[in-house]
Each structure stands twice: as structure tokens, then as C-alpha cells.
Amino acid sequence: MIFNILEIKIVSKNVGSARYYLAELNKIKIDVIDNMYLQAMIKYFTAILDLISRKCQEEDVLRIAEMFDFLGMDTKKNKCLTFCDKVKTLYDIV
């Protein structure tokens, strides 16, 4: 659910609010059973927000998306790559 909120906040260009929800995810990651997936998603959204603020390159986001392929989650990888392309378009990232 929080991942959906993060996507909405990023698409609506409310980066500050997206960072808040990302911080909340970091607070609960220890209590989550599927910690590996949660950590991968936290890394992914952190990289997306860093890409928006020009603190990282697209390659960093792509490398993280590859983790989902490693975990056997091809659909999630494709969704992450599609969302990355959407973010690049919305924020004029070349």
C-alpha cells in the first residue's frame, strides 16, 4: 500500500511527501517478514527520488530493478522499469 502512495506522490511531483513515506518504510522494515522484498523496494524508491534530485544516474535504478529479476519477480521488474521511464518523462530526465 505504501508503495502505491509513493508512486502517487512521485507522479504528482510531491517529492517531499514521498521522502516522508520512504522514511516510514525504513522505520518498519525490521518488523516485516518479507524483509528482502521490502529492502529492495526501499532501495528502488530511494534511487528514484535520488534520480529526480539528480543525485544518481539511471543505471543505479536499473541495477536495483535487476534485483527483482534475481528474486524471480519479472513482473515487478517490468513495473519498476516502466515507472522509471514515466518518472524520467515527468521530471525531464535525459
C-alpha atoms as a PDB file:
ATOM      1  CA  MET A   1       0.000   0.000   0.000  1.00  0.00           C
ATOM      2  CA  ILE A   2       2.753   2.436   0.907  1.00  0.00           C
ATOM      3  CA  PHE A   3       4.455   1.647  -2.402  1.00  0.00           C
ATOM      4  CA  ASN A   4       1.316   2.815  -4.221  1.00  0.00           C
ATOM      5  CA  ILE A   5       1.289   6.006  -2.161  1.00  0.00           C
ATOM      6  CA  LEU A   6       4.948   6.560  -3.028  1.00  0.00           C
ATOM      7  CA  GLU A   7       4.198   6.209  -6.734  1.00  0.00           C
ATOM      8  CA  ILE A   8       1.283   8.640  -6.482  1.00  0.00           C
ATOM      9  CA  LYS A   9       3.372  11.192  -4.583  1.00  0.00           C
ATOM     10  CA  ILE A  10       6.213  10.947  -7.108  1.00  0.00           C
ATOM     11  CA  VAL A  11       3.896  11.204 -10.127  1.00  0.00           C
ATOM     12  CA  SER A  12       2.165  14.225  -8.591  1.00  0.00           C
ATOM     13  CA  LYS A  13       5.631  15.764  -8.079  1.00  0.00           C
ATOM     14  CA  ASN A  14       5.264  15.815  -4.295  1.00  0.00           C
ATOM     15  CA  VAL A  15       8.818  14.636  -3.627  1.00  0.00           C
ATOM     16  CA  GLY A  16       8.866  15.872  -0.024  1.00  0.00           C
ATOM     17  CA  SER A  17       5.859  13.762   0.865  1.00  0.00           C
ATOM     18  CA  ALA A  18       7.353  10.776  -0.979  1.00  0.00           C
ATOM     19  CA  ARG A  19      10.514  11.097   1.125  1.00  0.00           C
ATOM     20  CA  TYR A  20       8.332  11.065   4.260  1.00  0.00           C
ATOM     21  CA  TYR A  21       6.678   7.773   3.275  1.00  0.00           C
ATOM     22  CA  LEU A  22      10.050   6.299   2.349  1.00  0.00           C
ATOM     23  CA  ALA A  23      11.338   7.200   5.819  1.00  0.00           C
ATOM     24  CA  GLU A  24       8.298   5.466   7.325  1.00  0.00           C
ATOM     25  CA  LEU A  25       9.113   2.325   5.335  1.00  0.00           C
ATOM     26  CA  ASN A  26      12.647   2.400   6.689  1.00  0.00           C
ATOM     27  CA  LYS A  27      11.248   2.501  10.228  1.00  0.00           C
ATOM     28  CA  ILE A  28       9.123  -0.635   9.795  1.00  0.00           C
ATOM     29  CA  LYS A  29      11.448  -2.802   7.693  1.00  0.00           C
ATOM     30  CA  ILE A  30      12.772  -4.716  10.706  1.00  0.00           C
ATOM     31  CA  ASP A  31       9.274  -5.864  11.679  1.00  0.00           C
ATOM     32  CA  VAL A  32       8.338  -7.173   8.232  1.00  0.00           C
ATOM     33  CA  ILE A  33       8.515 -10.882   7.437  1.00  0.00           C
ATOM     34  CA  ASP A  34       9.406 -10.432   3.751  1.00  0.00           C
ATOM     35  CA  ASN A  35      12.284  -8.135   4.591  1.00  0.00           C
ATOM     36  CA  MET A  36      14.289  -8.792   1.405  1.00  0.00           C
ATOM     37  CA  TYR A  37      11.449  -7.582  -0.828  1.00  0.00           C
ATOM     38  CA  LEU A  38      10.838  -4.544   1.370  1.00  0.00           C
ATOM     39  CA  GLN A  39      14.522  -3.638   1.358  1.00  0.00           C
ATOM     40  CA  ALA A  40      14.652  -3.959  -2.425  1.00  0.00           C
ATOM     41  CA  MET A  41      11.635  -1.660  -2.775  1.00  0.00           C
ATOM     42  CA  ILE A  42      13.138   0.851  -0.345  1.00  0.00           C
ATOM     43  CA  LYS A  43      16.355   0.869  -2.377  1.00  0.00           C
ATOM     44  CA  TYR A  44      14.351   1.258  -5.576  1.00  0.00           C
ATOM     45  CA  PHE A  45      12.296   4.229  -4.376  1.00  0.00           C
ATOM     46  CA  THR A  46      15.369   5.816  -2.792  1.00  0.00           C
ATOM     47  CA  ALA A  47      17.116   5.570  -6.161  1.00  0.00           C
ATOM     48  CA  ILE A  48      14.055   7.004  -7.946  1.00  0.00           C
ATOM     49  CA  LEU A  49      13.994  10.002  -5.584  1.00  0.00           C
ATOM     50  CA  ASP A  50      17.762  10.395  -5.977  1.00  0.00           C
ATOM     51  CA  LEU A  51      17.320  10.278  -9.753  1.00  0.00           C
ATOM     52  CA  ILE A  52      14.719  13.042  -9.512  1.00  0.00           C
ATOM     53  CA  SER A  53      17.078  15.191  -7.445  1.00  0.00           C
ATOM     54  CA  ARG A  54      19.956  14.287  -9.800  1.00  0.00           C
ATOM     55  CA  LYS A  55      21.931  12.515  -7.050  1.00  0.00           C
ATOM     56  CA  CYS A  56      22.240   9.268  -9.004  1.00  0.00           C
ATOM     57  CA  GLN A  57      22.183   8.001 -12.557  1.00  0.00           C
ATOM     58  CA  GLU A  58      19.533   5.910 -14.279  1.00  0.00           C
ATOM     59  CA  GLU A  59      21.959   2.975 -14.218  1.00  0.00           C
ATOM     60  CA  ASP A  60      21.639   2.856 -10.423  1.00  0.00           C
ATOM     61  CA  VAL A  61      17.868   2.459 -10.718  1.00  0.00           C
ATOM     62  CA  LEU A  62      18.251  -0.193 -13.422  1.00  0.00           C
ATOM     63  CA  ARG A  63      20.714  -2.159 -11.302  1.00  0.00           C
ATOM     64  CA  ILE A  64      18.219  -2.219  -8.440  1.00  0.00           C
ATOM     65  CA  ALA A  65      15.412  -3.303 -10.784  1.00  0.00           C
ATOM     66  CA  GLU A  66      17.597  -6.253 -11.782  1.00  0.00           C
ATOM     67  CA  MET A  67      17.345  -7.493  -8.170  1.00  0.00           C
ATOM     68  CA  PHE A  68      13.710  -8.325  -8.850  1.00  0.00           C
ATOM     69  CA  ASP A  69      14.783 -10.466 -11.776  1.00  0.00           C
ATOM     70  CA  PHE A  70      17.175 -12.274  -9.427  1.00  0.00           C
ATOM     71  CA  LEU A  71      14.301 -12.821  -6.968  1.00  0.00           C
ATOM     72  CA  GLY A  72      12.165 -14.311  -9.766  1.00  0.00           C
ATOM     73  CA  MET A  73       9.858 -11.309  -9.861  1.00  0.00           C
ATOM     74  CA  ASP A  74       9.902 -10.434 -13.557  1.00  0.00           C
ATOM     75  CA  THR A  75       6.570  -8.610 -13.405  1.00  0.00           C
ATOM     76  CA  LYS A  76       7.786  -6.368 -10.572  1.00  0.00           C
ATOM     77  CA  LYS A  77      10.989  -5.669 -12.503  1.00  0.00           C
ATOM     78  CA  ASN A  78       8.976  -4.625 -15.563  1.00  0.00           C
ATOM     79  CA  LYS A  79       6.709  -2.406 -13.457  1.00  0.00           C
ATOM     80  CA  CYS A  80       9.755  -0.745 -11.898  1.00  0.00           C
ATOM     81  CA  LEU A  81      11.332  -0.123 -15.298  1.00  0.00           C
ATOM     82  CA  THR A  82       8.064   1.289 -16.663  1.00  0.00           C
ATOM     83  CA  PHE A  83       7.697   3.571 -13.637  1.00  0.00           C
ATOM     84  CA  CYS A  84      11.313   4.722 -14.041  1.00  0.00           C
ATOM     85  CA  ASP A  85      10.586   5.698 -17.651  1.00  0.00           C
ATOM     86  CA  LYS A  86       7.467   7.553 -16.507  1.00  0.00           C
ATOM     87  CA  VAL A  87       9.486   9.450 -13.880  1.00  0.00           C
ATOM     88  CA  LYS A  88      12.144  10.362 -16.443  1.00  0.00           C
ATOM     89  CA  THR A  89       9.448  11.815 -18.687  1.00  0.00           C
ATOM     90  CA  LEU A  90       7.655  13.681 -15.878  1.00  0.00           C
ATOM     91  CA  TYR A  91      10.840  15.204 -14.490  1.00  0.00           C
ATOM     92  CA  ASP A  92      12.590  15.802 -17.851  1.00  0.00           C
ATOM     93  CA  ILE A  93      15.488  13.499 -17.025  1.00  0.00           C
ATOM     94  CA  VAL A  94      17.614  12.681 -20.027  1.00  0.00           C
END
